[in-house]
Amino acid sequence: MRLALTILVLVGLAWVAASWAQDNATSTSQSAGTLPAAPPDPSSSTAPSLVIEPAPGSGAAGALAVATEWQGVKADVRATAEAIARLTTDQRQKWDSAVAALPSFCHEWESLLHDREVENLTHLIWKDHDGYETATYTGYGKVRGCEAKESAEGVPIGKVTYDEKNYYLVGKSIDEAKSHPKLLGTTNTLEIFSWEKDRWFY
């Protein structure tokens, strides 16, 4: 009899516990809403997104066009736009002619720098140092910048930038020394040219 009563009490407690758990879950669900909150869907219209559309002329051809444009003449629009807008017709024609002629002038200047380097190599001053032949000379890199600007007086000016390279030659003979020049240092050089009489002067 006592065993049956104990079993009855345990079954009752289990039933009460199950009912309490069900009621507690129901009240929690009602207080938080009928459905649990789901994480935002990245594809939904409310999700932040970033769309990058290809620009016209993109791809290899577009990249080549941009590279070619930057290798040519660059006019500092922000610095010169207002001044150019105030130019007279004659001054504007002068400006346009100067800008159009600058790329070929920069190529010509690069060629002249190469000729100057060759000239420097043919007039080396050799010195003997502990049985070694030594000399120094200046070489030049390619033109890195070719930019058209307007001076305060309204005169077109060209800004050309390139590197000057200082070399050291050393060897048991002159031929050996010339065969492996050592770069001592590089100097970033800026030269400014003026547009006069329909041409760039240097």
N, C-alpha and C. Protein backbone atom coordinates (compact mmCIF):
# COMPACT_ATOMS: atom_id res chain seq x y z
N MET A 1 0.83 -1.19 0.00
CA MET A 1 0.00 0.00 0.00
C MET A 1 0.87 1.25 0.00
N ARG A 2 1.92 1.24 0.86
CA ARG A 2 2.82 2.41 0.92
C ARG A 2 3.57 2.59 -0.39
N LEU A 3 3.95 1.47 -1.04
CA LEU A 3 4.66 1.54 -2.33
C LEU A 3 3.78 2.13 -3.40
N ALA A 4 2.53 1.74 -3.44
CA ALA A 4 1.60 2.27 -4.45
C ALA A 4 1.38 3.75 -4.25
N LEU A 5 1.32 4.19 -2.98
CA LEU A 5 1.12 5.61 -2.70
C LEU A 5 2.33 6.42 -3.15
N THR A 6 3.51 5.85 -2.92
CA THR A 6 4.75 6.56 -3.33
C THR A 6 4.79 6.73 -4.85
N ILE A 7 4.41 5.68 -5.57
CA ILE A 7 4.41 5.75 -7.05
C ILE A 7 3.41 6.79 -7.51
N LEU A 8 2.25 6.85 -6.87
CA LEU A 8 1.22 7.82 -7.26
C LEU A 8 1.71 9.24 -7.05
N VAL A 9 2.40 9.47 -5.94
CA VAL A 9 2.93 10.81 -5.66
C VAL A 9 3.96 11.23 -6.70
N LEU A 10 4.85 10.29 -7.09
CA LEU A 10 5.89 10.61 -8.08
C LEU A 10 5.28 10.93 -9.43
N VAL A 11 4.25 10.16 -9.83
CA VAL A 11 3.59 10.43 -11.11
C VAL A 11 2.93 11.79 -11.09
N GLY A 12 2.35 12.16 -9.98
CA GLY A 12 1.70 13.46 -9.87
C GLY A 12 2.69 14.59 -9.98
N LEU A 13 3.85 14.42 -9.32
CA LEU A 13 4.87 15.46 -9.39
C LEU A 13 5.39 15.63 -10.82
N ALA A 14 5.56 14.53 -11.53
CA ALA A 14 6.03 14.60 -12.91
C ALA A 14 5.04 15.34 -13.79
N TRP A 15 3.74 15.07 -13.55
CA TRP A 15 2.69 15.73 -14.36
C TRP A 15 2.67 17.23 -14.09
N VAL A 16 2.83 17.62 -12.81
CA VAL A 16 2.84 19.04 -12.44
C VAL A 16 4.03 19.74 -13.06
N ALA A 17 5.20 19.09 -13.03
CA ALA A 17 6.41 19.70 -13.61
C ALA A 17 6.27 19.89 -15.10
N ALA A 18 5.69 18.93 -15.81
CA ALA A 18 5.50 19.05 -17.26
C ALA A 18 4.54 20.16 -17.59
N SER A 19 3.47 20.28 -16.81
CA SER A 19 2.49 21.35 -17.05
C SER A 19 3.10 22.71 -16.82
N TRP A 20 3.93 22.83 -15.77
CA TRP A 20 4.58 24.12 -15.46
C TRP A 20 5.55 24.53 -16.57
N ALA A 21 6.28 23.55 -17.08
CA ALA A 21 7.24 23.85 -18.15
C ALA A 21 6.53 24.30 -19.41
N GLN A 22 5.39 23.69 -19.73
CA GLN A 22 4.64 24.05 -20.93
C GLN A 22 4.07 25.45 -20.81
N ASP A 23 3.50 25.77 -19.61
CA ASP A 23 2.95 27.10 -19.39
C ASP A 23 4.03 28.16 -19.47
N ASN A 24 5.21 27.89 -18.92
CA ASN A 24 6.31 28.85 -18.93
C ASN A 24 6.81 29.12 -20.35
N ALA A 25 6.87 28.08 -21.18
CA ALA A 25 7.31 28.25 -22.57
C ALA A 25 6.30 29.05 -23.34
N THR A 26 5.00 28.84 -23.08
CA THR A 26 3.96 29.57 -23.79
C THR A 26 4.00 31.05 -23.47
N SER A 27 4.16 31.38 -22.17
CA SER A 27 4.20 32.79 -21.78
C SER A 27 5.42 33.49 -22.34
N THR A 28 6.55 32.78 -22.40
CA THR A 28 7.77 33.39 -22.97
C THR A 28 7.59 33.65 -24.44
N SER A 29 6.99 32.72 -25.15
CA SER A 29 6.76 32.88 -26.58
C SER A 29 5.82 34.03 -26.85
N GLN A 30 4.79 34.24 -26.02
CA GLN A 30 3.83 35.32 -26.22
C GLN A 30 4.47 36.66 -25.94
N SER A 31 5.36 36.72 -24.94
CA SER A 31 5.99 38.01 -24.63
C SER A 31 7.00 38.41 -25.69
N ALA A 32 7.60 37.44 -26.39
CA ALA A 32 8.61 37.75 -27.40
C ALA A 32 8.02 37.76 -28.79
N GLY A 33 6.74 37.46 -28.95
CA GLY A 33 6.15 37.38 -30.28
C GLY A 33 5.89 35.94 -30.62
N THR A 34 5.05 35.74 -31.63
CA THR A 34 4.66 34.39 -31.97
C THR A 34 5.76 33.64 -32.66
N LEU A 35 6.70 34.36 -33.33
CA LEU A 35 7.79 33.68 -34.03
C LEU A 35 9.12 34.18 -33.51
N PRO A 36 10.09 33.34 -33.35
CA PRO A 36 11.42 33.81 -32.93
C PRO A 36 12.05 34.68 -34.00
N ALA A 37 12.85 35.68 -33.55
CA ALA A 37 13.48 36.59 -34.51
C ALA A 37 14.52 35.83 -35.31
N ALA A 38 14.48 36.00 -36.65
CA ALA A 38 15.45 35.34 -37.53
C ALA A 38 16.53 36.32 -37.91
N PRO A 39 17.72 35.86 -38.19
CA PRO A 39 18.78 36.78 -38.62
C PRO A 39 18.43 37.43 -39.95
N PRO A 40 18.87 38.68 -40.17
CA PRO A 40 18.51 39.38 -41.41
C PRO A 40 19.03 38.65 -42.63
N ASP A 41 18.25 38.66 -43.67
CA ASP A 41 18.62 38.02 -44.94
C ASP A 41 19.47 38.98 -45.74
N PRO A 42 20.70 38.64 -46.04
CA PRO A 42 21.57 39.56 -46.78
C PRO A 42 21.00 39.93 -48.14
N SER A 43 20.15 39.09 -48.70
CA SER A 43 19.61 39.38 -50.03
C SER A 43 18.36 40.25 -49.97
N SER A 44 17.86 40.54 -48.74
CA SER A 44 16.64 41.34 -48.64
C SER A 44 16.92 42.79 -48.98
N SER A 45 15.85 43.55 -49.25
CA SER A 45 16.01 44.94 -49.66
C SER A 45 16.49 45.82 -48.51
N THR A 46 16.29 45.36 -47.27
CA THR A 46 16.71 46.17 -46.13
C THR A 46 18.17 45.97 -45.78
N ALA A 47 18.80 44.95 -46.31
CA ALA A 47 20.21 44.70 -45.99
C ALA A 47 21.08 45.68 -46.75
N PRO A 48 22.11 46.25 -46.09
CA PRO A 48 22.99 47.18 -46.80
C PRO A 48 23.75 46.47 -47.89
N SER A 49 23.95 47.16 -49.00
CA SER A 49 24.65 46.54 -50.12
C SER A 49 25.52 47.57 -50.81
N LEU A 50 26.52 47.10 -51.52
CA LEU A 50 27.42 47.94 -52.30
C LEU A 50 27.48 47.38 -53.69
N VAL A 51 27.07 48.18 -54.68
CA VAL A 51 27.06 47.74 -56.06
C VAL A 51 28.09 48.56 -56.82
N ILE A 52 29.03 47.90 -57.45
CA ILE A 52 30.05 48.57 -58.25
C ILE A 52 29.83 48.19 -59.70
N GLU A 53 29.50 49.18 -60.49
CA GLU A 53 29.27 48.93 -61.90
C GLU A 53 30.54 49.23 -62.68
N PRO A 54 30.87 48.43 -63.67
CA PRO A 54 32.07 48.70 -64.47
C PRO A 54 31.94 50.01 -65.21
N ALA A 55 33.01 50.80 -65.15
CA ALA A 55 32.99 52.07 -65.85
C ALA A 55 33.12 51.84 -67.35
N PRO A 56 32.61 52.79 -68.16
CA PRO A 56 32.77 52.64 -69.61
C PRO A 56 34.22 52.56 -69.99
N GLY A 57 34.52 51.65 -70.89
CA GLY A 57 35.90 51.50 -71.35
C GLY A 57 36.78 50.76 -70.38
N SER A 58 36.14 49.98 -69.47
CA SER A 58 36.95 49.23 -68.52
C SER A 58 37.54 48.02 -69.20
N GLY A 59 38.37 47.29 -68.50
CA GLY A 59 39.05 46.15 -69.09
C GLY A 59 40.42 46.54 -69.58
N ALA A 60 41.04 45.66 -70.36
CA ALA A 60 42.42 45.89 -70.82
C ALA A 60 42.51 47.14 -71.69
N ALA A 61 41.54 47.32 -72.58
CA ALA A 61 41.59 48.48 -73.48
C ALA A 61 41.44 49.77 -72.68
N GLY A 62 40.52 49.77 -71.69
CA GLY A 62 40.33 50.96 -70.88
C GLY A 62 41.55 51.28 -70.05
N ALA A 63 42.16 50.23 -69.47
CA ALA A 63 43.36 50.45 -68.66
C ALA A 63 44.49 51.01 -69.50
N LEU A 64 44.61 50.52 -70.74
CA LEU A 64 45.66 51.02 -71.63
C LEU A 64 45.41 52.48 -71.97
N ALA A 65 44.14 52.84 -72.19
CA ALA A 65 43.81 54.23 -72.52
C ALA A 65 44.14 55.15 -71.36
N VAL A 66 43.82 54.71 -70.12
CA VAL A 66 44.12 55.52 -68.95
C VAL A 66 45.62 55.68 -68.78
N ALA A 67 46.35 54.57 -68.94
CA ALA A 67 47.81 54.63 -68.80
C ALA A 67 48.42 55.57 -69.83
N THR A 68 47.91 55.51 -71.08
CA THR A 68 48.42 56.39 -72.13
C THR A 68 48.13 57.84 -71.81
N GLU A 69 46.95 58.10 -71.28
CA GLU A 69 46.59 59.47 -70.94
C GLU A 69 47.51 60.03 -69.87
N TRP A 70 47.83 59.23 -68.84
CA TRP A 70 48.68 59.71 -67.77
C TRP A 70 50.13 59.84 -68.20
N GLN A 71 50.53 59.12 -69.25
CA GLN A 71 51.89 59.26 -69.74
C GLN A 71 52.06 60.53 -70.56
N GLY A 72 50.97 61.11 -71.02
CA GLY A 72 51.03 62.33 -71.82
C GLY A 72 51.06 63.57 -70.94
N VAL A 73 50.51 64.64 -71.47
CA VAL A 73 50.51 65.92 -70.77
C VAL A 73 49.44 65.91 -69.70
N LYS A 74 49.78 66.41 -68.52
CA LYS A 74 48.81 66.57 -67.45
C LYS A 74 48.68 68.05 -67.15
N ALA A 75 47.47 68.57 -67.19
CA ALA A 75 47.22 69.96 -66.82
C ALA A 75 46.57 69.97 -65.44
N ASP A 76 47.12 70.73 -64.51
CA ASP A 76 46.58 70.81 -63.16
C ASP A 76 45.31 71.64 -63.21
N VAL A 77 44.16 70.94 -63.37
CA VAL A 77 42.90 71.63 -63.60
C VAL A 77 42.51 72.50 -62.42
N ARG A 78 42.68 71.97 -61.21
CA ARG A 78 42.26 72.72 -60.04
C ARG A 78 43.05 74.01 -59.88
N ALA A 79 44.32 73.99 -60.26
CA ALA A 79 45.17 75.16 -60.07
C ALA A 79 45.05 76.16 -61.20
N THR A 80 44.64 75.72 -62.38
CA THR A 80 44.69 76.60 -63.55
C THR A 80 43.34 76.86 -64.20
N ALA A 81 42.28 76.17 -63.80
CA ALA A 81 40.99 76.27 -64.50
C ALA A 81 40.47 77.70 -64.51
N GLU A 82 40.50 78.37 -63.35
CA GLU A 82 39.98 79.73 -63.29
C GLU A 82 40.82 80.69 -64.12
N ALA A 83 42.14 80.51 -64.06
CA ALA A 83 43.01 81.39 -64.82
C ALA A 83 42.82 81.20 -66.32
N ILE A 84 42.66 79.95 -66.75
CA ILE A 84 42.47 79.67 -68.17
C ILE A 84 41.15 80.26 -68.65
N ALA A 85 40.13 80.22 -67.81
CA ALA A 85 38.82 80.74 -68.19
C ALA A 85 38.86 82.23 -68.46
N ARG A 86 39.82 82.94 -67.83
CA ARG A 86 39.92 84.39 -68.01
C ARG A 86 40.82 84.79 -69.18
N LEU A 87 41.41 83.82 -69.86
CA LEU A 87 42.30 84.15 -70.97
C LEU A 87 41.53 84.74 -72.15
N THR A 88 42.22 85.63 -72.85
CA THR A 88 41.64 86.16 -74.09
C THR A 88 41.72 85.08 -75.17
N THR A 89 41.11 85.34 -76.30
CA THR A 89 41.13 84.35 -77.38
C THR A 89 42.56 84.04 -77.81
N ASP A 90 43.38 85.08 -77.95
CA ASP A 90 44.78 84.86 -78.37
C ASP A 90 45.55 84.08 -77.31
N GLN A 91 45.32 84.42 -76.03
CA GLN A 91 46.02 83.71 -74.97
C GLN A 91 45.58 82.25 -74.89
N ARG A 92 44.28 82.03 -75.13
CA ARG A 92 43.78 80.66 -75.10
C ARG A 92 44.37 79.84 -76.24
N GLN A 93 44.51 80.43 -77.42
CA GLN A 93 45.12 79.73 -78.54
C GLN A 93 46.59 79.41 -78.23
N LYS A 94 47.26 80.35 -77.57
CA LYS A 94 48.65 80.12 -77.18
C LYS A 94 48.75 78.96 -76.20
N TRP A 95 47.83 78.94 -75.23
CA TRP A 95 47.80 77.86 -74.25
C TRP A 95 47.54 76.51 -74.92
N ASP A 96 46.55 76.46 -75.80
CA ASP A 96 46.22 75.20 -76.47
C ASP A 96 47.39 74.69 -77.31
N SER A 97 48.08 75.62 -77.98
CA SER A 97 49.23 75.23 -78.80
C SER A 97 50.36 74.69 -77.93
N ALA A 98 50.58 75.33 -76.78
CA ALA A 98 51.64 74.89 -75.87
C ALA A 98 51.35 73.50 -75.32
N VAL A 99 50.10 73.26 -74.91
CA VAL A 99 49.74 71.96 -74.36
C VAL A 99 49.87 70.87 -75.42
N ALA A 100 49.45 71.18 -76.64
CA ALA A 100 49.51 70.18 -77.71
C ALA A 100 50.95 69.83 -78.07
N ALA A 101 51.86 70.79 -77.93
CA ALA A 101 53.25 70.55 -78.32
C ALA A 101 54.09 69.95 -77.20
N LEU A 102 53.58 69.92 -75.98
CA LEU A 102 54.41 69.48 -74.86
C LEU A 102 54.79 68.00 -74.90
N PRO A 103 53.90 67.07 -75.28
CA PRO A 103 54.32 65.65 -75.28
C PRO A 103 55.52 65.38 -76.17
N SER A 104 55.52 65.94 -77.39
CA SER A 104 56.66 65.70 -78.28
C SER A 104 57.92 66.37 -77.74
N PHE A 105 57.75 67.52 -77.07
CA PHE A 105 58.91 68.17 -76.46
C PHE A 105 59.50 67.30 -75.36
N CYS A 106 58.64 66.67 -74.56
CA CYS A 106 59.13 65.81 -73.47
C CYS A 106 59.89 64.61 -74.02
N HIS A 107 59.39 64.04 -75.12
CA HIS A 107 60.12 62.93 -75.76
C HIS A 107 61.47 63.42 -76.28
N GLU A 108 61.48 64.61 -76.85
CA GLU A 108 62.73 65.18 -77.36
C GLU A 108 63.70 65.41 -76.20
N TRP A 109 63.19 65.90 -75.07
CA TRP A 109 64.04 66.16 -73.91
C TRP A 109 64.62 64.87 -73.37
N GLU A 110 63.81 63.81 -73.35
CA GLU A 110 64.29 62.50 -72.91
C GLU A 110 65.43 62.01 -73.80
N SER A 111 65.29 62.23 -75.10
CA SER A 111 66.35 61.84 -76.03
C SER A 111 67.62 62.65 -75.79
N LEU A 112 67.45 63.95 -75.50
CA LEU A 112 68.61 64.80 -75.21
C LEU A 112 69.31 64.36 -73.92
N LEU A 113 68.53 63.92 -72.94
CA LEU A 113 69.14 63.42 -71.70
C LEU A 113 69.97 62.17 -71.97
N HIS A 114 69.46 61.30 -72.83
CA HIS A 114 70.21 60.10 -73.19
C HIS A 114 71.53 60.48 -73.88
N ASP A 115 71.45 61.43 -74.80
CA ASP A 115 72.66 61.89 -75.50
C ASP A 115 73.66 62.50 -74.51
N ARG A 116 73.14 63.20 -73.51
CA ARG A 116 74.01 63.81 -72.51
C ARG A 116 74.73 62.72 -71.69
N GLU A 117 74.01 61.63 -71.39
CA GLU A 117 74.62 60.53 -70.64
C GLU A 117 75.73 59.87 -71.46
N VAL A 118 75.48 59.68 -72.76
CA VAL A 118 76.51 59.11 -73.63
C VAL A 118 77.72 60.02 -73.68
N GLU A 119 77.46 61.32 -73.74
CA GLU A 119 78.56 62.29 -73.76
C GLU A 119 79.37 62.22 -72.46
N ASN A 120 78.66 62.07 -71.34
CA ASN A 120 79.37 61.97 -70.05
C ASN A 120 80.27 60.74 -70.02
N LEU A 121 79.81 59.64 -70.61
CA LEU A 121 80.60 58.40 -70.61
C LEU A 121 81.84 58.52 -71.49
N THR A 122 81.79 59.38 -72.49
CA THR A 122 82.95 59.53 -73.37
C THR A 122 83.98 60.52 -72.82
N HIS A 123 83.63 61.22 -71.75
CA HIS A 123 84.55 62.19 -71.16
C HIS A 123 84.79 61.89 -69.68
N LEU A 124 85.01 60.61 -69.39
CA LEU A 124 85.28 60.22 -68.00
C LEU A 124 86.68 60.63 -67.58
N ILE A 125 86.79 61.03 -66.33
CA ILE A 125 88.09 61.37 -65.76
C ILE A 125 88.50 60.21 -64.86
N TRP A 126 89.48 59.43 -65.33
CA TRP A 126 89.89 58.22 -64.60
C TRP A 126 90.96 58.56 -63.59
N LYS A 127 90.85 57.87 -62.45
CA LYS A 127 91.85 58.04 -61.39
C LYS A 127 92.30 56.66 -60.93
N ASP A 128 93.60 56.57 -60.59
CA ASP A 128 94.13 55.30 -60.08
C ASP A 128 94.00 55.29 -58.56
N HIS A 129 93.40 54.22 -58.04
CA HIS A 129 93.22 54.12 -56.59
C HIS A 129 93.61 52.72 -56.14
N ASP A 130 94.82 52.62 -55.59
CA ASP A 130 95.33 51.33 -55.11
C ASP A 130 95.28 50.25 -56.18
N GLY A 131 95.66 50.62 -57.39
CA GLY A 131 95.71 49.65 -58.48
C GLY A 131 94.38 49.47 -59.21
N TYR A 132 93.38 50.22 -58.85
CA TYR A 132 92.08 50.14 -59.51
C TYR A 132 91.81 51.43 -60.27
N GLU A 133 91.18 51.29 -61.43
CA GLU A 133 90.75 52.44 -62.21
C GLU A 133 89.36 52.86 -61.73
N THR A 134 89.21 54.14 -61.38
CA THR A 134 87.94 54.62 -60.86
C THR A 134 87.49 55.88 -61.59
N ALA A 135 86.18 56.06 -61.66
CA ALA A 135 85.61 57.27 -62.26
C ALA A 135 84.14 57.38 -61.83
N THR A 136 83.58 58.56 -62.01
CA THR A 136 82.16 58.78 -61.72
C THR A 136 81.53 59.50 -62.91
N TYR A 137 80.22 59.30 -63.06
CA TYR A 137 79.51 60.03 -64.11
C TYR A 137 78.02 60.10 -63.75
N THR A 138 77.31 60.96 -64.46
CA THR A 138 75.88 61.15 -64.23
C THR A 138 75.08 60.57 -65.39
N GLY A 139 74.10 59.75 -65.05
CA GLY A 139 73.18 59.21 -66.05
C GLY A 139 71.77 59.74 -65.78
N TYR A 140 70.83 59.38 -66.64
CA TYR A 140 69.48 59.93 -66.54
C TYR A 140 68.44 58.85 -66.80
N GLY A 141 67.37 58.91 -66.00
CA GLY A 141 66.25 58.01 -66.21
C GLY A 141 65.27 58.59 -67.22
N LYS A 142 64.23 57.85 -67.49
CA LYS A 142 63.21 58.32 -68.42
C LYS A 142 62.39 59.44 -67.78
N VAL A 143 61.81 60.28 -68.61
CA VAL A 143 60.95 61.36 -68.13
C VAL A 143 59.74 60.73 -67.43
N ARG A 144 59.51 61.13 -66.16
CA ARG A 144 58.41 60.56 -65.38
C ARG A 144 57.20 61.48 -65.30
N GLY A 145 57.40 62.75 -65.57
CA GLY A 145 56.29 63.70 -65.51
C GLY A 145 56.45 64.76 -66.58
N CYS A 146 55.33 65.10 -67.21
CA CYS A 146 55.32 66.10 -68.28
C CYS A 146 54.03 66.89 -68.11
N GLU A 147 54.12 68.05 -67.47
CA GLU A 147 52.92 68.75 -67.03
C GLU A 147 52.89 70.18 -67.53
N ALA A 148 51.73 70.62 -68.00
CA ALA A 148 51.53 71.99 -68.47
C ALA A 148 50.82 72.79 -67.39
N LYS A 149 51.34 73.99 -67.11
CA LYS A 149 50.72 74.89 -66.15
C LYS A 149 50.79 76.31 -66.70
N GLU A 150 50.09 77.20 -66.03
CA GLU A 150 50.14 78.60 -66.43
C GLU A 150 50.80 79.40 -65.33
N SER A 151 51.74 80.25 -65.68
CA SER A 151 52.42 81.07 -64.70
C SER A 151 51.50 82.21 -64.25
N ALA A 152 51.93 82.94 -63.21
CA ALA A 152 51.14 84.07 -62.71
C ALA A 152 50.99 85.15 -63.77
N GLU A 153 51.92 85.20 -64.72
CA GLU A 153 51.86 86.20 -65.79
C GLU A 153 51.03 85.73 -66.97
N GLY A 154 50.47 84.55 -66.88
CA GLY A 154 49.66 84.03 -67.97
C GLY A 154 50.46 83.33 -69.05
N VAL A 155 51.74 83.04 -68.78
CA VAL A 155 52.60 82.39 -69.77
C VAL A 155 52.57 80.88 -69.52
N PRO A 156 52.37 80.07 -70.57
CA PRO A 156 52.41 78.61 -70.38
C PRO A 156 53.82 78.17 -69.97
N ILE A 157 53.88 77.29 -68.99
CA ILE A 157 55.16 76.72 -68.58
C ILE A 157 55.03 75.20 -68.58
N GLY A 158 56.14 74.54 -68.86
CA GLY A 158 56.16 73.08 -68.85
C GLY A 158 57.04 72.58 -67.72
N LYS A 159 56.52 71.64 -66.93
CA LYS A 159 57.27 71.06 -65.82
C LYS A 159 57.62 69.61 -66.18
N VAL A 160 58.90 69.34 -66.28
CA VAL A 160 59.38 68.01 -66.67
C VAL A 160 60.18 67.42 -65.51
N THR A 161 59.82 66.21 -65.10
CA THR A 161 60.51 65.55 -64.00
C THR A 161 61.16 64.26 -64.49
N TYR A 162 62.35 63.99 -63.97
CA TYR A 162 63.09 62.77 -64.29
C TYR A 162 64.11 62.53 -63.19
N ASP A 163 64.79 61.42 -63.24
CA ASP A 163 65.79 61.08 -62.23
C ASP A 163 67.20 61.25 -62.78
N GLU A 164 68.04 61.91 -61.99
CA GLU A 164 69.47 61.93 -62.26
C GLU A 164 70.11 60.82 -61.44
N LYS A 165 70.98 60.03 -62.08
CA LYS A 165 71.58 58.88 -61.41
C LYS A 165 73.10 59.03 -61.41
N ASN A 166 73.68 58.96 -60.22
CA ASN A 166 75.12 59.08 -60.07
C ASN A 166 75.75 57.69 -59.99
N TYR A 167 76.71 57.43 -60.89
CA TYR A 167 77.34 56.12 -60.98
C TYR A 167 78.83 56.19 -60.61
N TYR A 168 79.32 55.08 -60.09
CA TYR A 168 80.73 54.94 -59.75
C TYR A 168 81.29 53.73 -60.50
N LEU A 169 82.40 53.94 -61.18
CA LEU A 169 83.05 52.88 -61.94
C LEU A 169 84.35 52.49 -61.25
N VAL A 170 84.60 51.19 -61.11
CA VAL A 170 85.83 50.73 -60.50
C VAL A 170 86.18 49.35 -61.05
N GLY A 171 87.48 49.16 -61.35
CA GLY A 171 87.92 47.87 -61.88
C GLY A 171 89.42 47.87 -62.07
N LYS A 172 89.95 46.67 -62.30
CA LYS A 172 91.38 46.56 -62.53
C LYS A 172 91.79 47.22 -63.85
N SER A 173 90.82 47.33 -64.78
CA SER A 173 91.06 48.02 -66.05
C SER A 173 89.85 48.90 -66.33
N ILE A 174 90.00 49.79 -67.31
CA ILE A 174 88.90 50.68 -67.66
C ILE A 174 87.73 49.88 -68.21
N ASP A 175 88.03 48.89 -69.04
CA ASP A 175 86.94 48.07 -69.61
C ASP A 175 86.18 47.33 -68.50
N GLU A 176 86.94 46.81 -67.54
CA GLU A 176 86.29 46.10 -66.43
C GLU A 176 85.43 47.06 -65.61
N ALA A 177 85.93 48.26 -65.39
CA ALA A 177 85.19 49.24 -64.60
C ALA A 177 83.90 49.65 -65.31
N LYS A 178 83.97 49.81 -66.64
CA LYS A 178 82.78 50.22 -67.40
C LYS A 178 81.73 49.11 -67.47
N SER A 179 82.17 47.86 -67.28
CA SER A 179 81.25 46.74 -67.47
C SER A 179 80.23 46.59 -66.33
N HIS A 180 80.50 47.15 -65.17
CA HIS A 180 79.54 47.03 -64.06
C HIS A 180 79.49 48.33 -63.25
N PRO A 181 78.83 49.35 -63.77
CA PRO A 181 78.69 50.60 -63.02
C PRO A 181 77.88 50.39 -61.75
N LYS A 182 78.28 51.08 -60.69
CA LYS A 182 77.59 50.98 -59.41
C LYS A 182 76.79 52.26 -59.17
N LEU A 183 75.50 52.10 -58.89
CA LEU A 183 74.64 53.26 -58.64
C LEU A 183 74.88 53.78 -57.24
N LEU A 184 75.31 55.05 -57.13
CA LEU A 184 75.57 55.65 -55.83
C LEU A 184 74.32 56.31 -55.25
N GLY A 185 73.49 56.90 -56.11
CA GLY A 185 72.30 57.59 -55.62
C GLY A 185 71.48 58.15 -56.76
N THR A 186 70.23 58.47 -56.45
CA THR A 186 69.30 59.01 -57.45
C THR A 186 68.71 60.31 -56.93
N THR A 187 68.64 61.30 -57.81
CA THR A 187 68.08 62.61 -57.46
C THR A 187 66.87 62.90 -58.34
N ASN A 188 65.75 63.19 -57.70
CA ASN A 188 64.54 63.57 -58.44
C ASN A 188 64.70 65.00 -58.93
N THR A 189 64.67 65.19 -60.23
CA THR A 189 64.95 66.50 -60.82
C THR A 189 63.71 67.07 -61.50
N LEU A 190 63.47 68.35 -61.27
CA LEU A 190 62.36 69.06 -61.91
C LEU A 190 62.94 70.21 -62.72
N GLU A 191 62.57 70.27 -63.99
CA GLU A 191 62.99 71.39 -64.84
C GLU A 191 61.75 72.09 -65.38
N ILE A 192 61.84 73.41 -65.45
CA ILE A 192 60.72 74.22 -65.91
C ILE A 192 61.12 74.92 -67.20
N PHE A 193 60.25 74.83 -68.20
CA PHE A 193 60.50 75.41 -69.52
C PHE A 193 59.39 76.41 -69.85
N SER A 194 59.73 77.38 -70.65
CA SER A 194 58.74 78.40 -71.04
C SER A 194 58.38 78.25 -72.52
N TRP A 195 57.17 78.68 -72.83
CA TRP A 195 56.67 78.64 -74.21
C TRP A 195 56.83 80.02 -74.83
N GLU A 196 57.70 80.13 -75.80
CA GLU A 196 57.97 81.40 -76.45
C GLU A 196 58.09 81.19 -77.96
N LYS A 197 57.53 82.13 -78.69
CA LYS A 197 57.62 82.11 -80.16
C LYS A 197 57.15 80.75 -80.73
N ASP A 198 56.04 80.30 -80.18
CA ASP A 198 55.39 79.07 -80.65
C ASP A 198 56.26 77.82 -80.48
N ARG A 199 57.09 77.80 -79.44
CA ARG A 199 57.86 76.59 -79.19
C ARG A 199 58.30 76.59 -77.72
N TRP A 200 58.63 75.37 -77.24
CA TRP A 200 59.17 75.24 -75.89
C TRP A 200 60.67 75.47 -75.93
N PHE A 201 61.15 76.32 -75.01
CA PHE A 201 62.56 76.67 -74.98
C PHE A 201 63.25 75.99 -73.81
N TYR A 202 64.50 75.58 -74.04
CA TYR A 202 65.34 75.03 -72.98
C TYR A 202 66.76 75.57 -73.11
